[in-house]
C-alpha atoms as a PDB file:
ATOM      1  CA  UNK A   1     -23.115  92.876  13.004  1.00  0.00           C
ATOM      2  CA  UNK A   2     -25.057  89.574  13.652  1.00  0.00           C
ATOM      3  CA  UNK A   3     -22.777  87.079  15.611  1.00  0.00           C
ATOM      4  CA  UNK A   4     -23.908  84.032  13.416  1.00  0.00           C
ATOM      5  CA  UNK A   5     -22.823  86.119  10.238  1.00  0.00           C
ATOM      6  CA  UNK A   6     -19.440  86.962  12.117  1.00  0.00           C
ATOM      7  CA  UNK A   7     -19.152  83.235  12.802  1.00  0.00           C
ATOM      8  CA  UNK A   8     -19.823  82.060   9.103  1.00  0.00           C
ATOM      9  CA  UNK A   9     -17.326  84.724   7.932  1.00  0.00           C
ATOM     10  CA  UNK A  10     -14.403  82.936   9.919  1.00  0.00           C
ATOM     11  CA  UNK A  11     -15.128  79.719   7.620  1.00  0.00           C
ATOM     12  CA  UNK A  12     -16.794  80.654   4.269  1.00  0.00           C
ATOM     13  CA  UNK A  13     -17.441  84.116   2.629  1.00  0.00           C
ATOM     14  CA  UNK A  14     -21.257  84.848   2.360  1.00  0.00           C
ATOM     15  CA  UNK A  15     -22.621  87.964   0.988  1.00  0.00           C
ATOM     16  CA  UNK A  16     -25.328  89.811   2.816  1.00  0.00           C
ATOM     17  CA  UNK A  17     -27.822  88.583   0.434  1.00  0.00           C
ATOM     18  CA  UNK A  18     -26.808  84.904   0.903  1.00  0.00           C
ATOM     19  CA  UNK A  19     -26.611  85.384   4.606  1.00  0.00           C
ATOM     20  CA  UNK A  20     -30.139  86.635   4.615  1.00  0.00           C
ATOM     21  CA  UNK A  21     -31.163  83.494   2.670  1.00  0.00           C
ATOM     22  CA  UNK A  22     -29.221  81.263   4.827  1.00  0.00           C
ATOM     23  CA  UNK A  23     -30.717  82.680   8.044  1.00  0.00           C
ATOM     24  CA  UNK A  24     -34.392  82.114   6.591  1.00  0.00           C
ATOM     25  CA  UNK A  25     -33.610  78.064   7.326  1.00  0.00           C
ATOM     26  CA  UNK A  26     -33.240  78.839  10.970  1.00  0.00           C
ATOM     27  CA  UNK A  27     -35.760  79.771  13.705  1.00  0.00           C
ATOM     28  CA  UNK A  28     -34.610  82.175  16.360  1.00  0.00           C
ATOM     29  CA  UNK A  29     -35.536  80.963  19.722  1.00  0.00           C
ATOM     30  CA  UNK A  30     -35.201  82.573  23.259  1.00  0.00           C
ATOM     31  CA  UNK A  31     -34.823  79.960  26.054  1.00  0.00           C
ATOM     32  CA  UNK A  32     -34.910  80.788  29.955  1.00  0.00           C
ATOM     33  CA  UNK A  33     -32.243  79.312  32.197  1.00  0.00           C
ATOM     34  CA  UNK A  34     -33.165  75.719  32.980  1.00  0.00           C
ATOM     35  CA  UNK A  35     -35.300  75.410  30.259  1.00  0.00           C
ATOM     36  CA  UNK A  36     -35.245  71.972  28.307  1.00  0.00           C
ATOM     37  CA  UNK A  37     -34.841  71.792  24.523  1.00  0.00           C
ATOM     38  CA  UNK A  38     -34.744  68.141  24.446  1.00  0.00           C
ATOM     39  CA  UNK A  39     -35.216  65.359  26.908  1.00  0.00           C
ATOM     40  CA  UNK A  40     -33.653  61.742  27.152  1.00  0.00           C
ATOM     41  CA  UNK A  41     -35.916  59.371  24.989  1.00  0.00           C
ATOM     42  CA  UNK A  42     -37.206  62.067  22.525  1.00  0.00           C
ATOM     43  CA  UNK A  43     -36.325  62.073  18.794  1.00  0.00           C
ATOM     44  CA  UNK A  44     -33.591  64.512  18.248  1.00  0.00           C
ATOM     45  CA  UNK A  45     -35.037  66.881  15.880  1.00  0.00           C
ATOM     46  CA  UNK A  46     -32.585  69.913  16.013  1.00  0.00           C
ATOM     47  CA  UNK A  47     -29.321  71.359  16.094  1.00  0.00           C
ATOM     48  CA  UNK A  48     -28.771  74.427  17.953  1.00  0.00           C
ATOM     49  CA  UNK A  49     -26.398  77.373  17.350  1.00  0.00           C
ATOM     50  CA  UNK A  50     -25.783  79.754  20.448  1.00  0.00           C
ATOM     51  CA  UNK A  51     -26.036  83.334  19.695  1.00  0.00           C
ATOM     52  CA  UNK A  52     -26.039  84.512  23.489  1.00  0.00           C
ATOM     53  CA  UNK A  53     -26.082  82.294  26.652  1.00  0.00           C
ATOM     54  CA  UNK A  54     -25.142  78.710  27.343  1.00  0.00           C
ATOM     55  CA  UNK A  55     -26.639  75.313  26.775  1.00  0.00           C
ATOM     56  CA  UNK A  56     -25.485  71.884  28.029  1.00  0.00           C
ATOM     57  CA  UNK A  57     -26.039  68.190  26.937  1.00  0.00           C
ATOM     58  CA  UNK A  58     -26.441  65.709  29.782  1.00  0.00           C
ATOM     59  CA  UNK A  59     -27.572  62.304  30.635  1.00  0.00           C
ATOM     60  CA  UNK A  60     -28.604  60.485  33.886  1.00  0.00           C
ATOM     61  CA  UNK A  61     -26.329  57.917  34.991  1.00  0.00           C
ATOM     62  CA  UNK A  62     -26.930  54.715  36.577  1.00  0.00           C
ATOM     63  CA  UNK A  63     -26.818  56.205  39.978  1.00  0.00           C
ATOM     64  CA  UNK A  64     -29.582  58.871  38.992  1.00  0.00           C
ATOM     65  CA  UNK A  65     -26.758  61.687  38.777  1.00  0.00           C
ATOM     66  CA  UNK A  66     -26.638  64.081  36.025  1.00  0.00           C
ATOM     67  CA  UNK A  67     -23.397  63.753  33.734  1.00  0.00           C
ATOM     68  CA  UNK A  68     -22.748  66.733  31.799  1.00  0.00           C
ATOM     69  CA  UNK A  69     -20.877  65.705  28.355  1.00  0.00           C
ATOM     70  CA  UNK A  70     -20.894  68.991  26.564  1.00  0.00           C
ATOM     71  CA  UNK A  71     -21.435  72.797  26.843  1.00  0.00           C
ATOM     72  CA  UNK A  72     -22.098  75.060  24.237  1.00  0.00           C
ATOM     73  CA  UNK A  73     -21.690  78.998  24.503  1.00  0.00           C
ATOM     74  CA  UNK A  74     -21.715  81.958  22.060  1.00  0.00           C
ATOM     75  CA  UNK A  75     -20.808  80.623  18.585  1.00  0.00           C
ATOM     76  CA  UNK A  76     -20.995  76.940  19.399  1.00  0.00           C
ATOM     77  CA  UNK A  77     -23.260  74.205  18.068  1.00  0.00           C
ATOM     78  CA  UNK A  78     -24.787  71.427  20.330  1.00  0.00           C
ATOM     79  CA  UNK A  79     -27.030  68.412  19.462  1.00  0.00           C
ATOM     80  CA  UNK A  80     -26.890  64.583  19.828  1.00  0.00           C
ATOM     81  CA  UNK A  81     -25.302  64.196  16.590  1.00  0.00           C
ATOM     82  CA  UNK A  82     -25.799  60.635  16.381  1.00  0.00           C
ATOM     83  CA  UNK A  83     -29.520  60.679  17.141  1.00  0.00           C
ATOM     84  CA  UNK A  84     -30.007  63.728  14.828  1.00  0.00           C
ATOM     85  CA  UNK A  85     -28.286  62.363  11.794  1.00  0.00           C
ATOM     86  CA  UNK A  86     -30.490  59.347  12.178  1.00  0.00           C
ATOM     87  CA  UNK A  87     -33.711  61.137  13.517  1.00  0.00           C
ATOM     88  CA  UNK A  88     -33.863  58.722  16.328  1.00  0.00           C
ATOM     89  CA  UNK A  89     -34.622  58.861  19.962  1.00  0.00           C
ATOM     90  CA  UNK A  90     -31.577  60.380  22.177  1.00  0.00           C
ATOM     91  CA  UNK A  91     -30.116  59.199  25.272  1.00  0.00           C
ATOM     92  CA  UNK A  92     -29.367  62.855  26.077  1.00  0.00           C
ATOM     93  CA  UNK A  93     -31.012  65.925  27.302  1.00  0.00           C
ATOM     94  CA  UNK A  94     -30.201  69.445  26.270  1.00  0.00           C
ATOM     95  CA  UNK A  95     -31.036  72.278  28.504  1.00  0.00           C
ATOM     96  CA  UNK A  96     -30.368  76.114  28.971  1.00  0.00           C
ATOM     97  CA  UNK A  97     -27.516  76.949  31.692  1.00  0.00           C
ATOM     98  CA  UNK A  98     -28.531  80.562  31.367  1.00  0.00           C
ATOM     99  CA  UNK A  99     -31.130  82.597  29.554  1.00  0.00           C
ATOM    100  CA  UNK A 100     -30.158  81.907  25.833  1.00  0.00           C
ATOM    101  CA  UNK A 101     -30.718  83.234  22.420  1.00  0.00           C
ATOM    102  CA  UNK A 102     -30.424  80.513  19.868  1.00  0.00           C
ATOM    103  CA  UNK A 103     -30.732  79.602  16.235  1.00  0.00           C
ATOM    104  CA  UNK A 104     -32.640  76.170  15.614  1.00  0.00           C
ATOM    105  CA  UNK A 105     -32.634  74.083  12.624  1.00  0.00           C
ATOM    106  CA  UNK A 106     -33.947  70.576  11.732  1.00  0.00           C
ATOM    107  CA  UNK A 107     -32.797  68.160   9.403  1.00  0.00           C
ATOM    108  CA  UNK A 108     -35.159  68.815   6.798  1.00  0.00           C
ATOM    109  CA  UNK A 109     -34.354  72.590   6.517  1.00  0.00           C
ATOM    110  CA  UNK A 110     -30.516  71.690   6.907  1.00  0.00           C
ATOM    111  CA  UNK A 111     -30.852  69.719   3.822  1.00  0.00           C
ATOM    112  CA  UNK A 112     -32.588  72.264   1.916  1.00  0.00           C
ATOM    113  CA  UNK A 113     -30.082  74.951   3.343  1.00  0.00           C
ATOM    114  CA  UNK A 114     -27.163  72.741   1.901  1.00  0.00           C
ATOM    115  CA  UNK A 115     -29.024  72.249  -1.579  1.00  0.00           C
ATOM    116  CA  UNK A 116     -29.566  76.034  -1.701  1.00  0.00           C
ATOM    117  CA  UNK A 117     -26.046  77.120  -0.452  1.00  0.00           C
ATOM    118  CA  UNK A 118     -23.415  74.598  -1.132  1.00  0.00           C
ATOM    119  CA  UNK A 119     -20.741  76.489   0.656  1.00  0.00           C
ATOM    120  CA  UNK A 120     -22.620  75.513   3.905  1.00  0.00           C
ATOM    121  CA  UNK A 121     -21.492  71.883   3.230  1.00  0.00           C
ATOM    122  CA  UNK A 122     -17.807  73.155   3.754  1.00  0.00           C
ATOM    123  CA  UNK A 123     -18.970  75.173   6.739  1.00  0.00           C
ATOM    124  CA  UNK A 124     -20.512  72.105   8.460  1.00  0.00           C
ATOM    125  CA  UNK A 125     -17.589  69.725   7.504  1.00  0.00           C
ATOM    126  CA  UNK A 126     -15.136  72.470   9.106  1.00  0.00           C
ATOM    127  CA  UNK A 127     -17.351  72.496  12.428  1.00  0.00           C
ATOM    128  CA  UNK A 128     -17.748  68.688  12.463  1.00  0.00           C
ATOM    129  CA  UNK A 129     -13.958  68.433  12.251  1.00  0.00           C
ATOM    130  CA  UNK A 130     -13.369  70.780  14.995  1.00  0.00           C
ATOM    131  CA  UNK A 131     -15.920  69.049  17.386  1.00  0.00           C
ATOM    132  CA  UNK A 132     -14.661  65.644  16.296  1.00  0.00           C
ATOM    133  CA  UNK A 133     -11.095  67.083  17.282  1.00  0.00           C
ATOM    134  CA  UNK A 134     -12.076  68.505  20.523  1.00  0.00           C
ATOM    135  CA  UNK A 135     -13.783  65.148  21.533  1.00  0.00           C
ATOM    136  CA  UNK A 136     -10.529  63.158  20.735  1.00  0.00           C
ATOM    137  CA  UNK A 137      -8.692  65.479  22.924  1.00  0.00           C
ATOM    138  CA  UNK A 138     -11.130  65.232  25.827  1.00  0.00           C
ATOM    139  CA  UNK A 139     -11.131  61.411  25.679  1.00  0.00           C
ATOM    140  CA  UNK A 140      -7.325  61.635  25.740  1.00  0.00           C
ATOM    141  CA  UNK A 141      -7.285  64.061  28.755  1.00  0.00           C
ATOM    142  CA  UNK A 142      -9.910  61.924  30.517  1.00  0.00           C
ATOM    143  CA  UNK A 143      -7.511  58.836  30.193  1.00  0.00           C
ATOM    144  CA  UNK A 144      -4.039  60.720  31.093  1.00  0.00           C
ATOM    145  CA  UNK A 145      -5.049  63.343  33.488  1.00  0.00           C
ATOM    146  CA  UNK A 146      -5.783  63.044  37.172  1.00  0.00           C
ATOM    147  CA  UNK A 147      -8.857  64.587  38.253  1.00  0.00           C
ATOM    148  CA  UNK A 148      -7.116  67.588  39.685  1.00  0.00           C
ATOM    149  CA  UNK A 149      -4.985  68.103  36.444  1.00  0.00           C
ATOM    150  CA  UNK A 150      -8.204  67.862  34.666  1.00  0.00           C
ATOM    151  CA  UNK A 151      -9.651  70.686  36.400  1.00  0.00           C
ATOM    152  CA  UNK A 152      -6.417  72.976  36.155  1.00  0.00           C
ATOM    153  CA  UNK A 153      -6.238  72.021  32.401  1.00  0.00           C
ATOM    154  CA  UNK A 154      -9.805  72.972  31.913  1.00  0.00           C
ATOM    155  CA  UNK A 155      -9.753  76.203  33.907  1.00  0.00           C
ATOM    156  CA  UNK A 156      -6.654  77.300  32.326  1.00  0.00           C
ATOM    157  CA  UNK A 157      -8.088  76.561  28.572  1.00  0.00           C
ATOM    158  CA  UNK A 158     -11.618  77.938  29.395  1.00  0.00           C
ATOM    159  CA  UNK A 159     -11.293  80.481  32.196  1.00  0.00           C
ATOM    160  CA  UNK A 160     -14.536  82.080  31.264  1.00  0.00           C
ATOM    161  CA  UNK A 161     -16.399  78.714  32.071  1.00  0.00           C
ATOM    162  CA  UNK A 162     -15.299  78.883  35.603  1.00  0.00           C
ATOM    163  CA  UNK A 163     -16.900  82.623  36.036  1.00  0.00           C
ATOM    164  CA  UNK A 164     -19.956  81.676  34.229  1.00  0.00           C
ATOM    165  CA  UNK A 165     -20.908  78.126  34.887  1.00  0.00           C
ATOM    166  CA  UNK A 166     -22.019  76.739  38.247  1.00  0.00           C
ATOM    167  CA  UNK A 167     -19.662  74.822  40.098  1.00  0.00           C
ATOM    168  CA  UNK A 168     -21.926  71.711  40.270  1.00  0.00           C
ATOM    169  CA  UNK A 169     -22.200  71.666  36.465  1.00  0.00           C
ATOM    170  CA  UNK A 170     -18.239  72.016  36.072  1.00  0.00           C
ATOM    171  CA  UNK A 171     -17.930  68.894  38.362  1.00  0.00           C
ATOM    172  CA  UNK A 172     -20.441  67.075  36.484  1.00  0.00           C
ATOM    173  CA  UNK A 173     -18.744  67.836  32.992  1.00  0.00           C
ATOM    174  CA  UNK A 174     -15.328  66.700  34.744  1.00  0.00           C
ATOM    175  CA  UNK A 175     -16.959  63.596  36.158  1.00  0.00           C
ATOM    176  CA  UNK A 176     -16.050  64.742  39.811  1.00  0.00           C
ATOM    177  CA  UNK A 177     -18.632  65.457  42.748  1.00  0.00           C
ATOM    178  CA  UNK A 178     -18.976  68.996  43.697  1.00  0.00           C
ATOM    179  CA  UNK A 179     -17.624  68.442  47.197  1.00  0.00           C
ATOM    180  CA  UNK A 180     -14.265  66.943  45.525  1.00  0.00           C
ATOM    181  CA  UNK A 181     -14.344  69.883  42.951  1.00  0.00           C
ATOM    182  CA  UNK A 182     -14.461  72.283  46.154  1.00  0.00           C
ATOM    183  CA  UNK A 183     -11.650  70.350  47.818  1.00  0.00           C
ATOM    184  CA  UNK A 184      -9.421  70.571  44.429  1.00  0.00           C
ATOM    185  CA  UNK A 185     -10.192  74.641  44.513  1.00  0.00           C
ATOM    186  CA  UNK A 186      -9.423  75.048  48.045  1.00  0.00           C
ATOM    187  CA  UNK A 187      -6.138  73.055  47.537  1.00  0.00           C
ATOM    188  CA  UNK A 188      -4.987  74.993  44.717  1.00  0.00           C
ATOM    189  CA  UNK A 189      -5.871  78.384  46.384  1.00  0.00           C
ATOM    190  CA  UNK A 190      -3.625  77.426  49.358  1.00  0.00           C
END
């Protein structure tokens, strides 16, 4: 069964006929590793659902260093929500970390989808609530935890990330240098 259908079924009930209709509002896209889907300064026109693979959202800080703010693996959504909802220029870039198969929807098609399938309003509300809650937790962890505690927490909560994602990207996400992350990992191994 299609992974998007399985994902939807966790939140709402849709028939096979409804699912085929829902899917028709999306484009399926295959993206190669390191391919950019959106660059800083571009209008944020799309939301991305990861069927297979991994995407990341990042910006380049004042020192010229990439700062990863979000990852999306299978069954996760990613976009610059602020820019997408307003259809304005984004301050972020979105890039494939791995070869990925994704579903893409733009705001116009999303609105048409919601008109035709009102149960998708509930679905997106639940997705946004979960994303917002995750952001709140991440902010709290950034304030409360030492960098070492943050890494331990992250690697415990998401062990598959440690296996899949290059260390320099994990360091970027945790606001560490790759060298410092190596030191933390070496210390934890000993």
